[in-house]
N, C-alpha and C. Protein backbone atom coordinates (compact mmCIF):
# COMPACT_ATOMS: atom_id res chain seq x y z
N MET A 1 0.95 -1.23 17.91
CA MET A 1 -0.16 0.34 17.44
C MET A 1 -0.98 -0.65 16.55
N GLN A 2 -1.79 -1.11 16.17
CA GLN A 2 -2.46 -1.64 14.47
C GLN A 2 -3.68 -1.24 14.24
N ASN A 3 -3.83 -0.73 13.33
CA ASN A 3 -5.54 0.35 13.24
C ASN A 3 -5.24 -0.38 11.33
N ASN A 4 -7.27 -0.81 11.86
CA ASN A 4 -7.17 -1.79 9.63
C ASN A 4 -8.17 0.03 10.02
N ILE A 5 -7.23 0.56 7.79
CA ILE A 5 -7.54 2.04 7.65
C ILE A 5 -6.95 1.21 6.29
N THR A 6 -6.87 2.55 5.34
CA THR A 6 -6.74 1.86 4.10
C THR A 6 -5.08 2.15 3.16
N LEU A 7 -4.62 2.38 2.66
CA LEU A 7 -2.70 2.37 2.61
C LEU A 7 -2.85 3.50 1.72
N ASP A 8 -3.95 4.63 1.91
CA ASP A 8 -4.08 6.27 1.32
C ASP A 8 -3.54 7.03 3.02
N LYS A 9 -3.92 6.54 4.04
CA LYS A 9 -3.44 6.80 4.89
C LYS A 9 -2.24 8.17 5.35
N LEU A 10 -1.38 6.15 4.58
CA LEU A 10 -0.60 6.04 5.42
C LEU A 10 0.65 7.47 5.04
N LYS A 11 1.59 8.58 6.11
CA LYS A 11 2.61 9.41 5.20
C LYS A 11 4.57 8.68 5.21
N LYS A 12 4.80 9.30 4.89
CA LYS A 12 5.67 9.03 4.77
C LYS A 12 6.84 8.56 5.42
N GLY A 13 7.14 6.89 4.50
CA GLY A 13 8.58 6.94 6.57
C GLY A 13 7.87 5.49 7.07
N GLU A 14 6.32 5.65 7.41
CA GLU A 14 4.84 4.94 7.82
C GLU A 14 5.28 3.16 7.09
N LYS A 15 5.13 2.43 8.00
CA LYS A 15 5.87 1.11 7.84
C LYS A 15 4.06 0.23 7.77
N ALA A 16 2.99 -1.06 7.62
CA ALA A 16 2.33 -1.55 7.35
C ALA A 16 1.98 -3.25 6.99
N THR A 17 1.28 -3.93 7.27
CA THR A 17 1.22 -5.43 6.96
C THR A 17 0.28 -5.03 6.00
N ILE A 18 -0.24 -4.89 4.40
CA ILE A 18 -1.03 -5.96 4.05
C ILE A 18 -2.39 -6.42 4.78
N HIS A 19 -3.93 -6.50 4.73
CA HIS A 19 -4.41 -7.00 5.45
C HIS A 19 -5.60 -7.71 4.75
N SER A 20 -6.06 -6.67 4.25
CA SER A 20 -7.57 -7.67 2.64
C SER A 20 -7.77 -6.33 1.91
N PHE A 21 -8.06 -6.77 1.28
CA PHE A 21 -8.61 -5.22 -0.35
C PHE A 21 -10.30 -4.94 -0.07
N LYS A 22 -10.56 -3.30 -0.07
CA LYS A 22 -12.27 -3.11 0.08
C LYS A 22 -13.16 -3.92 -0.87
N SER A 23 -12.15 -4.13 -2.52
CA SER A 23 -13.31 -4.80 -3.72
C SER A 23 -12.72 -5.33 -4.61
N ASN A 24 -12.55 -5.99 -5.22
CA ASN A 24 -12.85 -6.83 -6.10
C ASN A 24 -12.72 -6.05 -7.18
N GLU A 25 -11.86 -5.01 -7.61
CA GLU A 25 -11.62 -4.19 -8.85
C GLU A 25 -10.50 -4.28 -8.59
N LEU A 26 -9.56 -4.22 -7.66
CA LEU A 26 -8.16 -4.43 -8.00
C LEU A 26 -7.46 -4.90 -8.63
N PRO A 27 -6.29 -4.15 -10.36
CA PRO A 27 -6.42 -5.09 -11.03
C PRO A 27 -5.20 -5.90 -10.64
N ALA A 28 -5.75 -7.18 -11.24
CA ALA A 28 -5.09 -8.75 -10.71
C ALA A 28 -2.77 -8.29 -10.61
N LYS A 29 -2.92 -7.11 -11.77
CA LYS A 29 -1.03 -6.80 -11.62
C LYS A 29 -0.69 -6.06 -10.12
N PHE A 30 -1.35 -5.71 -9.59
CA PHE A 30 -0.79 -5.72 -7.33
C PHE A 30 -0.90 -6.70 -7.04
N TYR A 31 -1.43 -7.83 -7.61
CA TYR A 31 -0.91 -9.01 -6.83
C TYR A 31 0.33 -10.65 -7.10
N GLU A 32 0.47 -9.55 -8.82
CA GLU A 32 1.45 -9.82 -8.60
C GLU A 32 3.01 -9.01 -8.51
N LEU A 33 2.72 -7.80 -7.85
CA LEU A 33 3.71 -7.48 -8.01
C LEU A 33 4.26 -7.69 -6.89
N GLY A 34 3.14 -8.08 -5.74
CA GLY A 34 3.18 -8.00 -4.68
C GLY A 34 2.19 -8.34 -2.84
N PHE A 35 1.16 -7.04 -4.22
CA PHE A 35 0.53 -7.38 -3.04
C PHE A 35 -0.84 -7.78 -3.03
N THR A 36 -0.18 -8.68 -2.21
CA THR A 36 -0.68 -10.02 -1.16
C THR A 36 -1.22 -9.50 0.38
N PRO A 37 -2.07 -10.36 0.92
CA PRO A 37 -2.42 -9.76 2.38
C PRO A 37 -1.46 -10.00 2.76
N GLY A 38 -0.58 -10.04 4.29
CA GLY A 38 0.29 -10.75 5.30
C GLY A 38 2.17 -9.75 4.70
N ALA A 39 1.40 -9.23 3.66
CA ALA A 39 2.76 -8.32 2.90
C ALA A 39 4.08 -7.32 4.02
N PRO A 40 4.42 -7.16 3.95
CA PRO A 40 5.11 -6.07 4.37
C PRO A 40 5.62 -4.96 3.64
N ILE A 41 4.75 -3.87 4.09
CA ILE A 41 5.75 -2.32 3.41
C ILE A 41 5.50 -1.27 4.51
N GLU A 42 6.00 -0.33 2.86
CA GLU A 42 6.50 1.43 3.44
C GLU A 42 6.73 1.93 2.45
N ILE A 43 6.32 3.55 3.03
CA ILE A 43 6.00 4.31 2.13
C ILE A 43 7.41 5.16 2.38
N LYS A 44 7.84 5.21 0.64
CA LYS A 44 8.85 6.52 0.28
C LYS A 44 8.71 7.93 0.51
N HIS A 45 7.74 7.62 -0.94
CA HIS A 45 7.84 9.04 -1.43
C HIS A 45 6.17 8.68 -1.45
N ILE A 46 5.79 10.36 -1.36
CA ILE A 46 3.99 10.90 -1.83
C ILE A 46 4.34 11.69 -2.77
N ALA A 47 3.53 12.02 -3.67
CA ALA A 47 3.72 12.33 -4.66
C ALA A 47 2.92 13.85 -3.62
N PRO A 48 3.29 15.40 -4.33
CA PRO A 48 2.74 15.81 -4.10
C PRO A 48 1.17 16.54 -4.73
N LEU A 49 0.00 17.17 -4.12
CA LEU A 49 -1.00 17.08 -4.62
C LEU A 49 -2.07 16.29 -5.36
N LYS A 50 -2.57 15.28 -3.71
CA LYS A 50 -2.72 14.32 -4.47
C LYS A 50 -2.64 13.65 -5.23
N GLY A 51 -1.28 12.55 -5.90
CA GLY A 51 -0.71 12.48 -6.40
C GLY A 51 0.20 10.90 -6.11
N PRO A 52 0.67 10.27 -6.93
CA PRO A 52 0.31 8.69 -6.60
C PRO A 52 1.28 9.10 -5.70
N MET A 53 1.46 7.38 -4.90
CA MET A 53 2.65 7.61 -3.94
C MET A 53 3.70 6.19 -3.96
N CYS A 54 5.13 6.26 -3.50
CA CYS A 54 6.20 5.38 -3.52
C CYS A 54 6.22 4.19 -2.85
N ILE A 55 5.93 2.82 -2.99
CA ILE A 55 5.71 1.83 -1.46
C ILE A 55 6.86 0.77 -2.18
N ASN A 56 7.89 0.12 -1.12
CA ASN A 56 8.33 -0.03 -0.58
C ASN A 56 7.68 -1.43 -0.34
N ILE A 57 7.74 -3.24 -1.26
CA ILE A 57 7.29 -4.05 -0.51
C ILE A 57 8.46 -4.62 -0.02
N ILE A 58 8.48 -5.19 1.24
CA ILE A 58 9.72 -5.18 2.06
C ILE A 58 10.68 -6.53 1.68
N GLU A 59 9.20 -7.52 1.60
CA GLU A 59 10.29 -8.68 1.34
C GLU A 59 10.88 -9.24 -0.24
N GLN A 60 10.33 -8.00 -0.81
CA GLN A 60 11.22 -7.87 -2.10
C GLN A 60 11.84 -7.15 -2.48
N ASP A 61 11.84 -6.61 -1.88
CA ASP A 61 12.63 -4.86 -1.68
C ASP A 61 12.40 -4.66 -2.92
N SER A 62 10.53 -4.12 -3.69
CA SER A 62 10.57 -3.87 -4.93
C SER A 62 9.69 -1.90 -3.92
N LEU A 63 10.55 -1.22 -5.85
CA LEU A 63 10.18 -0.35 -5.18
C LEU A 63 7.99 -0.01 -6.20
N ILE A 64 6.50 0.55 -5.58
CA ILE A 64 5.90 0.31 -6.87
C ILE A 64 5.34 1.22 -6.41
N ALA A 65 5.22 2.34 -7.20
CA ALA A 65 4.05 4.14 -7.51
C ALA A 65 2.74 3.16 -7.95
N ILE A 66 1.48 4.17 -6.94
CA ILE A 66 0.51 3.63 -7.28
C ILE A 66 -0.45 4.93 -6.96
N ARG A 67 -1.61 4.49 -7.90
CA ARG A 67 -2.38 5.84 -7.42
C ARG A 67 -3.44 6.12 -6.08
N ARG A 68 -3.50 6.39 -5.82
CA ARG A 68 -4.30 6.88 -4.02
C ARG A 68 -6.29 5.72 -4.28
N LYS A 69 -6.28 6.36 -5.56
CA LYS A 69 -7.76 5.73 -6.24
C LYS A 69 -7.13 4.36 -5.23
N GLU A 70 -6.14 4.02 -6.55
CA GLU A 70 -6.07 2.75 -6.09
C GLU A 70 -5.44 2.14 -4.07
N ALA A 71 -4.48 3.21 -4.01
CA ALA A 71 -4.31 2.71 -2.52
C ALA A 71 -5.42 2.64 -1.66
N ASN A 72 -6.35 3.84 -1.91
CA ASN A 72 -8.08 3.33 -1.63
C ASN A 72 -7.94 1.66 -1.51
N LEU A 73 -7.52 1.75 -2.25
CA LEU A 73 -8.52 -0.38 -2.32
C LEU A 73 -8.21 -0.80 -1.33
N ILE A 74 -6.68 -0.52 -0.94
CA ILE A 74 -6.10 -1.71 0.04
C ILE A 74 -6.06 -1.20 1.38
N LEU A 75 -6.15 -2.37 2.27
CA LEU A 75 -7.41 -2.63 3.73
C LEU A 75 -5.41 -2.62 4.29
N ILE A 76 -4.76 -1.46 5.33
CA ILE A 76 -3.49 -2.15 6.28
C ILE A 76 -3.73 -1.84 7.49
N SER A 77 -2.80 -2.61 8.00
CA SER A 77 -2.30 -2.18 9.94
C SER A 77 -1.23 -2.23 9.96
N ARG A 78 -1.09 -0.74 10.69
CA ARG A 78 0.19 0.13 10.45
C ARG A 78 0.89 -1.41 11.57
N ILE A 79 1.88 -0.54 11.31
CA ILE A 79 3.48 -1.89 12.39
C ILE A 79 3.58 -0.98 13.25
């Protein structure tokens, strides 16, 4: 099942692949951290009250917390 949606719509435990970006406003640090098209990811934790999301970039086995505002700029395809 593949839907192109934004990263902030995923729930804890869901896996996806980064498809593209909605805007060029995403800071360069995201590319350096591994948020590149084709990268498989998994949602590990979601803070309450629209707080940050903790995302595992599977290939690098790294956990990265990002704001919901930034997650809304990342388009993904569910795995």
